Amino acid sequence: LRLLRESFRSSVAPLVGTLSGLVSAPPGVRPDIDALNDSLNQCLYESLDSSIGVKSGRPGHWKKYWTQEIQDAATARDRSYSQWRHAFGIAKVEKWFLYKVAHRKFRSLVQAAKRRSWQQFCTALECDFSKATAAIKRIKRSKESSPTYSHPDGPAASVSAMGSHLASVYDGSLLASATRPAAPPAFDSVLPFCVPVDMSLFDVDTLVSHIKRLPTHKAPGPDHIKAEMLKSLVSEIAPVLSLLFTLCYQWSYTPALWRQAQVFPIFKKGDTSDPANYRPISLTSVVRKLFEFSLMPELDAHSPALDVAQGGFRPQRSPLDQALCLHDLMHDYFVEHRRRPVVAFLDIKSAYDTVDRRVIWSALAGSSLPRAVLGLLINMFDEV
């Protein structure tokens, strides 16, 4: 870990100087923020390679206990078996003996690895209850069938059909064009924005706190950066991200890599051959998520208070909490009126696909939200 931090500090030093100059003395035209972000990513990649080393990926068909030593023993056993099959005369006896030796070695390694893996598993369950619940979920999930999309005309038709469906979801064709408000005004004439002296959105200490609360064991976005990478370099990378985020604020622009996503369709219910029955899940950059964490306090400060009954998109409010509240309200109604209440459930089809962001931008434009933050939101969600 010490070698990783030293390597990152030395490789990122020129980039820090460039960012500091651009932030303190903004040029007349927008700098190449995409190239600066790529340079930061490259520094992170090279630091990991030089300190940890470049390793080949573990084959997906290997068992959890399988190691390279076991794989080499299996290869030697198979080679000995092939030599025995092709041997003639007295040499066949010798090759059979060599095969039995290789086979015994292979079985011994497998059995020892299984015992060692089982002991580690039991120890982990005893020490950390969260790992026990995660293991139970993993075992349960492995026994469940996961539907995958297929097309009667073959894989090529599957790709085409799913691509067309996702394009219709993301291209805004579901919006009511007749009632759409005008596009938000451009901010090119007032760029770059001045950063308020008292603004603490991108302070190093604030970013350190945000990095530490990033969720772990999550799939990365297009830049292949995981939260664990940032957490191992939290003291070194927070000042760099502070400069990069401030530069993005000044120009209301974010790197294109933050505005890309890897989309995976997850089956919901219904006919597995209908692409509309799959929910698209987008994997975005963890650095973008960190940037969103930083902007959230500014949005909260200039947004109206949320209704007390709202449970969606709020921390520490699960569906079970909402169901319990509804149950209590129904019980209180029955106690007071001595009759059962009537409950109506409304499910809006494609609710998130039909939200017109222009309505949101128009409402924010009329609020006290700083123009720089509004420009960032438009850039992050519209220019994708």
Protein backbone atom coordinates (compact mmCIF):
# COMPACT_ATOMS: atom_id res chain seq x y z
CA LEU A 1 0.00 0.00 0.00
CA ARG A 2 2.88 2.37 0.75
CA LEU A 3 4.40 1.64 -2.66
CA LEU A 4 1.04 2.33 -4.32
CA ARG A 5 0.71 5.70 -2.63
CA GLU A 6 4.26 6.75 -3.44
CA SER A 7 3.85 5.72 -7.07
CA PHE A 8 0.58 7.63 -7.41
CA ARG A 9 1.99 10.79 -5.82
CA SER A 10 4.93 10.85 -8.20
CA SER A 11 2.89 10.13 -11.33
CA VAL A 12 0.08 12.58 -10.57
CA ALA A 13 2.33 15.53 -9.60
CA PRO A 14 2.45 17.06 -13.14
CA LEU A 15 -1.33 16.77 -13.44
CA VAL A 16 -1.82 18.53 -10.10
CA GLY A 17 0.29 21.44 -11.34
CA THR A 18 -1.76 21.70 -14.54
CA LEU A 19 -5.08 21.58 -12.68
CA SER A 20 -3.95 24.16 -10.12
CA GLY A 21 -3.02 26.59 -12.88
CA LEU A 22 -6.31 26.12 -14.73
CA VAL A 23 -8.37 26.60 -11.56
CA SER A 24 -6.51 29.64 -10.24
CA ALA A 25 -6.27 31.38 -13.64
CA PRO A 26 -9.07 30.11 -15.94
CA PRO A 27 -8.23 30.47 -19.64
CA GLY A 28 -10.47 32.15 -22.19
CA VAL A 29 -11.67 28.86 -23.66
CA ARG A 30 -12.67 25.66 -21.95
CA PRO A 31 -9.68 23.36 -21.34
CA ASP A 32 -9.73 19.75 -22.45
CA ILE A 33 -11.35 18.33 -19.31
CA ASP A 34 -11.76 14.93 -20.95
CA ALA A 35 -8.00 14.66 -21.50
CA LEU A 36 -7.33 15.74 -17.91
CA ASN A 37 -9.70 13.08 -16.60
CA ASP A 38 -8.03 10.48 -18.83
CA SER A 39 -4.65 11.51 -17.43
CA LEU A 40 -5.91 11.01 -13.88
CA ASN A 41 -7.27 7.58 -14.74
CA GLN A 42 -3.99 6.65 -16.41
CA CYS A 43 -2.03 7.70 -13.33
CA LEU A 44 -4.25 5.46 -11.24
CA TYR A 45 -3.87 2.52 -13.63
CA GLU A 46 -0.09 2.85 -13.84
CA SER A 47 0.28 3.17 -10.07
CA LEU A 48 -1.70 -0.01 -9.52
CA ASP A 49 0.30 -1.86 -12.18
CA SER A 50 3.66 -0.76 -10.79
CA SER A 51 2.82 -1.53 -7.15
CA ILE A 52 0.55 -4.57 -7.32
CA GLY A 53 1.58 -5.89 -10.71
CA VAL A 54 -0.29 -6.96 -13.81
CA LYS A 55 -2.08 -10.25 -13.29
CA SER A 56 -4.16 -12.30 -15.67
CA GLY A 57 -7.80 -12.67 -14.77
CA ARG A 58 -9.02 -15.76 -12.97
CA PRO A 59 -10.92 -18.03 -15.39
CA GLY A 60 -14.64 -17.95 -14.72
CA HIS A 61 -15.04 -21.74 -14.78
CA TRP A 62 -12.58 -22.27 -11.91
CA LYS A 63 -14.03 -23.28 -8.56
CA LYS A 64 -13.44 -21.03 -5.57
CA TYR A 65 -10.77 -23.33 -4.15
CA TRP A 66 -9.03 -23.86 -7.52
CA THR A 67 -5.50 -22.49 -7.81
CA GLN A 68 -2.82 -22.35 -10.46
CA GLU A 69 -0.94 -25.14 -8.67
CA ILE A 70 -3.99 -27.40 -8.96
CA GLN A 71 -4.40 -26.45 -12.61
CA ASP A 72 -0.77 -27.35 -13.32
CA ALA A 73 -1.26 -30.70 -11.55
CA ALA A 74 -4.39 -31.37 -13.60
CA THR A 75 -2.51 -30.56 -16.81
CA ALA A 76 0.35 -32.89 -15.81
CA ARG A 77 -2.11 -35.67 -15.00
CA ASP A 78 -3.86 -35.32 -18.36
CA ARG A 79 -0.52 -35.31 -20.15
CA SER A 80 0.55 -38.49 -18.33
CA TYR A 81 -2.73 -40.15 -19.24
CA SER A 82 -2.30 -39.24 -22.90
CA GLN A 83 1.25 -40.61 -22.88
CA TRP A 84 0.04 -43.89 -21.36
CA ARG A 85 -2.67 -44.26 -24.00
CA HIS A 86 -0.16 -43.79 -26.81
CA ALA A 87 2.61 -45.96 -25.31
CA PHE A 88 3.46 -49.50 -26.52
CA GLY A 89 4.99 -52.57 -24.94
CA ILE A 90 6.85 -52.34 -21.65
CA ALA A 91 6.78 -48.52 -21.82
CA LYS A 92 3.03 -48.67 -21.21
CA VAL A 93 3.64 -49.99 -17.67
CA GLU A 94 6.02 -47.14 -16.86
CA LYS A 95 3.61 -44.53 -18.25
CA TRP A 96 0.76 -46.03 -16.21
CA PHE A 97 2.83 -45.72 -13.04
CA LEU A 98 3.64 -42.08 -13.83
CA TYR A 99 -0.03 -41.38 -14.50
CA LYS A 100 -1.07 -42.86 -11.12
CA VAL A 101 1.53 -40.70 -9.34
CA ALA A 102 0.28 -37.56 -11.11
CA HIS A 103 -3.33 -38.49 -10.35
CA ARG A 104 -2.62 -39.00 -6.63
CA LYS A 105 -0.85 -35.64 -6.46
CA PHE A 106 -3.78 -33.93 -8.17
CA ARG A 107 -6.35 -35.49 -5.81
CA SER A 108 -4.25 -34.60 -2.77
CA LEU A 109 -4.03 -30.95 -3.82
CA VAL A 110 -7.78 -30.75 -4.51
CA GLN A 111 -8.75 -32.30 -1.18
CA ALA A 112 -6.36 -30.05 0.76
CA ALA A 113 -7.65 -26.96 -1.07
CA LYS A 114 -11.27 -27.92 -0.35
CA ARG A 115 -10.56 -28.38 3.35
CA ARG A 116 -8.67 -25.09 3.52
CA SER A 117 -11.45 -23.23 1.67
CA TRP A 118 -14.12 -24.71 3.95
CA GLN A 119 -12.19 -23.74 7.09
CA GLN A 120 -11.77 -20.17 5.82
CA PHE A 121 -15.47 -20.01 4.99
CA CYS A 122 -16.51 -21.21 8.48
CA THR A 123 -14.09 -18.80 10.17
CA ALA A 124 -15.47 -15.88 8.17
CA LEU A 125 -19.03 -16.79 9.13
CA GLU A 126 -18.11 -16.94 12.81
CA CYS A 127 -16.31 -13.60 12.81
CA ASP A 128 -18.66 -11.49 10.67
CA PHE A 129 -22.42 -12.05 10.57
CA SER A 130 -22.78 -9.91 7.44
CA LYS A 131 -20.61 -12.40 5.58
CA ALA A 132 -22.91 -15.19 6.76
CA THR A 133 -25.99 -13.47 5.35
CA ALA A 134 -24.13 -12.65 2.13
CA ALA A 135 -23.14 -16.31 1.77
CA ILE A 136 -26.74 -17.43 2.29
CA LYS A 137 -27.93 -14.97 -0.35
CA ARG A 138 -25.23 -16.13 -2.76
CA ILE A 139 -26.16 -19.79 -2.27
CA LYS A 140 -29.85 -19.01 -2.74
CA ARG A 141 -29.15 -16.94 -5.85
CA SER A 142 -27.03 -19.70 -7.37
CA LYS A 143 -29.98 -22.08 -7.14
CA GLU A 144 -32.37 -19.69 -8.86
CA SER A 145 -32.73 -19.57 -12.62
CA SER A 146 -31.99 -16.21 -14.19
CA PRO A 147 -33.99 -15.61 -17.39
CA THR A 148 -32.00 -14.22 -20.29
CA TYR A 149 -33.38 -12.53 -23.36
CA SER A 150 -33.43 -14.58 -26.54
CA HIS A 151 -35.03 -14.28 -29.97
CA PRO A 152 -36.41 -17.06 -32.18
CA ASP A 153 -34.28 -15.79 -35.07
CA GLY A 154 -31.00 -16.15 -33.19
CA PRO A 155 -28.46 -14.04 -31.26
CA ALA A 156 -28.12 -11.36 -33.94
CA ALA A 157 -31.85 -10.72 -33.87
CA SER A 158 -31.75 -10.62 -30.06
CA VAL A 159 -29.11 -7.90 -30.11
CA SER A 160 -31.04 -5.89 -32.70
CA ALA A 161 -34.37 -6.15 -30.87
CA MET A 162 -32.94 -5.28 -27.46
CA GLY A 163 -30.91 -2.43 -28.96
CA SER A 164 -34.00 -0.97 -30.61
CA HIS A 165 -35.94 -1.19 -27.35
CA LEU A 166 -33.21 0.48 -25.30
CA ALA A 167 -32.88 3.19 -27.96
CA SER A 168 -36.60 3.95 -27.64
CA VAL A 169 -36.21 4.18 -23.86
CA TYR A 170 -33.26 6.57 -23.91
CA ASP A 171 -33.96 8.74 -26.97
CA GLY A 172 -36.92 10.60 -25.43
CA SER A 173 -39.48 9.32 -27.94
CA LEU A 174 -41.89 8.53 -25.09
CA LEU A 175 -42.17 12.19 -24.11
CA ALA A 176 -45.20 14.29 -25.01
CA SER A 177 -43.63 16.61 -27.58
CA ALA A 178 -46.67 18.92 -27.84
CA THR A 179 -46.47 20.10 -24.23
CA ARG A 180 -42.70 20.14 -23.77
CA PRO A 181 -41.23 23.38 -22.43
CA ALA A 182 -38.47 25.19 -24.24
CA ALA A 183 -34.90 24.00 -23.93
CA PRO A 184 -32.94 25.61 -21.08
CA PRO A 185 -30.78 28.59 -22.01
CA ALA A 186 -27.10 28.08 -22.73
CA PHE A 187 -24.50 29.48 -20.36
CA ASP A 188 -21.66 29.84 -22.87
CA SER A 189 -21.64 33.63 -22.62
CA VAL A 190 -20.95 33.65 -18.87
CA LEU A 191 -18.31 30.92 -18.75
CA PRO A 192 -16.20 30.34 -16.78
CA PHE A 193 -18.20 30.67 -13.57
CA CYS A 194 -16.56 32.11 -10.50
CA VAL A 195 -16.21 29.77 -7.56
CA PRO A 196 -17.64 31.35 -4.38
CA VAL A 197 -15.02 31.85 -1.70
CA ASP A 198 -17.22 30.28 0.98
CA MET A 199 -18.19 27.25 -1.12
CA SER A 200 -17.12 24.00 0.54
CA LEU A 201 -18.59 21.50 -1.92
CA PHE A 202 -15.21 20.30 -3.12
CA ASP A 203 -13.10 20.75 0.00
CA VAL A 204 -10.52 18.02 0.47
CA ASP A 205 -11.94 17.03 3.86
CA THR A 206 -15.44 16.82 2.38
CA LEU A 207 -14.24 14.63 -0.47
CA VAL A 208 -12.38 12.36 1.95
CA SER A 209 -15.63 11.87 3.84
CA HIS A 210 -17.51 11.13 0.60
CA ILE A 211 -14.88 8.64 -0.59
CA LYS A 212 -15.01 6.75 2.70
CA ARG A 213 -18.77 6.27 2.43
CA LEU A 214 -18.72 4.98 -1.13
CA PRO A 215 -20.25 1.48 -1.28
CA THR A 216 -17.80 -1.33 -1.97
CA HIS A 217 -18.03 -4.58 -3.91
CA LYS A 218 -19.94 -2.83 -6.71
CA ALA A 219 -19.48 -3.24 -10.45
CA PRO A 220 -17.41 -0.41 -12.01
CA GLY A 221 -18.45 1.85 -14.85
CA PRO A 222 -16.81 2.41 -18.25
CA ASP A 223 -13.58 3.67 -16.63
CA HIS A 224 -13.15 0.37 -14.69
CA ILE A 225 -12.43 2.29 -11.47
CA LYS A 226 -13.86 0.80 -8.27
CA ALA A 227 -14.47 2.45 -4.93
CA GLU A 228 -11.82 0.25 -3.34
CA MET A 229 -9.18 1.89 -5.56
CA LEU A 230 -10.12 5.37 -4.37
CA LYS A 231 -10.32 4.33 -0.72
CA SER A 232 -6.79 2.94 -0.78
CA LEU A 233 -5.56 6.35 -2.04
CA VAL A 234 -8.03 8.58 -0.22
CA SER A 235 -5.45 11.05 1.16
CA GLU A 236 -3.58 11.27 -2.16
CA ILE A 237 -6.48 11.41 -4.62
CA ALA A 238 -8.84 13.72 -2.72
CA PRO A 239 -6.80 16.90 -3.48
CA VAL A 240 -6.62 15.96 -7.17
CA LEU A 241 -10.35 15.33 -7.36
CA SER A 242 -10.98 18.62 -5.55
CA LEU A 243 -9.16 20.49 -8.33
CA LEU A 244 -10.85 18.48 -11.09
CA PHE A 245 -14.33 18.98 -9.60
CA THR A 246 -13.71 22.70 -9.19
CA LEU A 247 -12.65 22.92 -12.84
CA CYS A 248 -15.85 21.13 -13.86
CA TYR A 249 -17.84 23.60 -11.75
CA GLN A 250 -16.19 26.60 -13.41
CA TRP A 251 -17.07 25.39 -16.91
CA SER A 252 -20.33 23.50 -16.14
CA TYR A 253 -18.84 20.54 -17.97
CA THR A 254 -18.02 16.98 -16.96
CA PRO A 255 -15.81 14.43 -18.74
CA ALA A 256 -17.60 12.37 -21.38
CA LEU A 257 -16.57 9.18 -19.59
CA TRP A 258 -18.73 10.22 -16.63
CA ARG A 259 -21.72 10.53 -18.97
CA GLN A 260 -21.41 7.04 -20.40
CA ALA A 261 -22.83 3.86 -18.91
CA GLN A 262 -22.73 0.14 -19.42
CA VAL A 263 -26.37 -0.97 -19.64
CA PHE A 264 -27.44 -4.45 -18.52
CA PRO A 265 -31.06 -5.60 -19.01
CA ILE A 266 -32.48 -7.32 -15.89
CA PHE A 267 -35.65 -9.40 -16.27
CA LYS A 268 -38.68 -8.10 -14.35
CA LYS A 269 -41.68 -10.33 -15.09
CA GLY A 270 -43.86 -11.56 -17.93
CA ASP A 271 -42.76 -12.93 -21.28
CA THR A 272 -38.99 -13.45 -21.40
CA SER A 273 -39.00 -12.90 -25.18
CA ASP A 274 -40.38 -9.35 -24.85
CA PRO A 275 -37.55 -6.79 -24.44
CA ALA A 276 -39.98 -4.42 -22.69
CA ASN A 277 -40.04 -6.83 -19.73
CA TYR A 278 -36.38 -6.14 -18.95
CA ARG A 279 -35.29 -3.26 -16.74
CA PRO A 280 -32.12 -1.52 -18.01
CA ILE A 281 -29.54 -1.13 -15.24
CA SER A 282 -26.81 1.43 -15.94
CA LEU A 283 -23.31 1.11 -14.48
CA THR A 284 -21.75 4.57 -14.30
CA SER A 285 -18.37 5.87 -13.17
CA VAL A 286 -17.73 5.85 -9.43
CA VAL A 287 -16.02 9.24 -9.82
CA ARG A 288 -19.28 10.62 -11.21
CA LYS A 289 -21.10 9.25 -8.16
CA LEU A 290 -18.56 11.01 -5.97
CA PHE A 291 -19.18 14.23 -7.89
CA GLU A 292 -22.93 13.81 -7.37
CA PHE A 293 -22.35 13.33 -3.63
CA SER A 294 -20.54 16.65 -3.62
CA LEU A 295 -23.33 18.49 -5.44
CA MET A 296 -26.13 17.08 -3.30
CA PRO A 297 -25.82 19.56 -0.38
CA GLU A 298 -26.13 22.48 -2.80
CA LEU A 299 -29.26 20.95 -4.34
CA ASP A 300 -30.80 20.32 -0.93
CA ALA A 301 -30.14 23.89 0.14
CA HIS A 302 -32.08 25.31 -2.83
CA SER A 303 -34.84 22.69 -3.09
CA PRO A 304 -38.23 22.69 -1.37
CA ALA A 305 -38.71 20.37 1.58
CA LEU A 306 -39.79 16.85 0.67
CA ASP A 307 -43.20 15.63 1.74
CA VAL A 308 -43.10 13.62 4.95
CA ALA A 309 -44.97 10.79 3.21
CA GLN A 310 -42.37 10.37 0.46
CA GLY A 311 -40.26 7.27 0.91
CA GLY A 312 -38.69 6.80 -2.50
CA PHE A 313 -35.17 8.09 -3.18
CA ARG A 314 -34.63 8.90 0.49
CA PRO A 315 -32.06 7.34 2.82
CA GLN A 316 -33.13 4.97 5.58
CA ARG A 317 -36.67 4.60 4.20
CA SER A 318 -37.36 1.12 2.92
CA PRO A 319 -40.55 -0.27 1.32
CA LEU A 320 -41.19 -2.10 4.59
CA ASP A 321 -41.25 1.24 6.43
CA GLN A 322 -43.85 2.58 4.00
CA ALA A 323 -45.93 -0.60 4.27
CA LEU A 324 -45.86 -0.37 8.08
CA CYS A 325 -46.97 3.27 7.99
CA LEU A 326 -49.83 2.38 5.65
CA HIS A 327 -50.85 -0.48 7.95
CA ASP A 328 -50.89 1.84 10.97
CA LEU A 329 -52.98 4.43 9.11
CA MET A 330 -55.49 1.79 8.05
CA HIS A 331 -55.67 0.50 11.62
CA ASP A 332 -56.22 4.00 13.04
CA TYR A 333 -58.95 4.64 10.46
CA PHE A 334 -60.75 1.44 11.43
CA VAL A 335 -60.53 2.23 15.15
CA GLU A 336 -61.96 5.72 14.61
CA HIS A 337 -64.67 4.97 12.03
CA ARG A 338 -65.33 1.27 12.69
CA ARG A 339 -65.14 0.39 9.03
CA ARG A 340 -62.45 -0.77 6.66
CA PRO A 341 -60.76 1.92 4.55
CA VAL A 342 -60.56 1.80 0.77
CA VAL A 343 -57.00 1.87 -0.54
CA ALA A 344 -56.19 2.70 -4.17
CA PHE A 345 -52.82 1.79 -5.70
CA LEU A 346 -51.54 3.71 -8.73
CA ASP A 347 -48.74 2.28 -10.86
CA ILE A 348 -47.57 4.55 -13.67
CA LYS A 349 -46.19 2.61 -16.61
CA SER A 350 -42.71 3.68 -17.74
CA ALA A 351 -42.73 6.44 -15.14
CA TYR A 352 -39.00 7.13 -15.27
CA ASP A 353 -38.86 6.82 -19.06
CA THR A 354 -41.50 9.54 -19.51
CA VAL A 355 -40.10 12.15 -17.13
CA ASP A 356 -39.30 15.27 -19.14
CA ARG A 357 -36.12 16.75 -17.74
CA ARG A 358 -36.88 20.08 -19.40
CA VAL A 359 -39.65 20.55 -16.83
CA ILE A 360 -37.10 19.97 -14.08
CA TRP A 361 -34.59 22.37 -15.64
CA SER A 362 -37.30 25.01 -16.04
CA ALA A 363 -38.25 24.72 -12.37
CA LEU A 364 -34.62 24.88 -11.26
CA ALA A 365 -33.95 27.88 -13.52
CA GLY A 366 -36.62 29.79 -11.59
CA SER A 367 -35.11 28.89 -8.24
CA SER A 368 -32.10 30.26 -6.39
CA LEU A 369 -29.90 27.37 -7.54
CA PRO A 370 -26.54 28.67 -8.84
CA ARG A 371 -26.31 28.71 -12.63
CA ALA A 372 -23.11 26.69 -12.53
CA VAL A 373 -24.84 23.81 -10.74
CA LEU A 374 -27.80 23.92 -13.14
CA GLY A 375 -25.41 23.83 -16.09
CA LEU A 376 -23.66 20.83 -14.56
CA LEU A 377 -26.93 18.95 -14.13
CA ILE A 378 -27.94 19.65 -17.73
CA ASN A 379 -24.54 18.51 -18.95
CA MET A 380 -24.59 15.33 -16.85
CA PHE A 381 -28.11 14.18 -17.74
CA ASP A 382 -28.82 15.62 -21.20
CA GLU A 383 -25.47 15.55 -22.99
CA VAL A 384 -25.01 11.78 -22.86
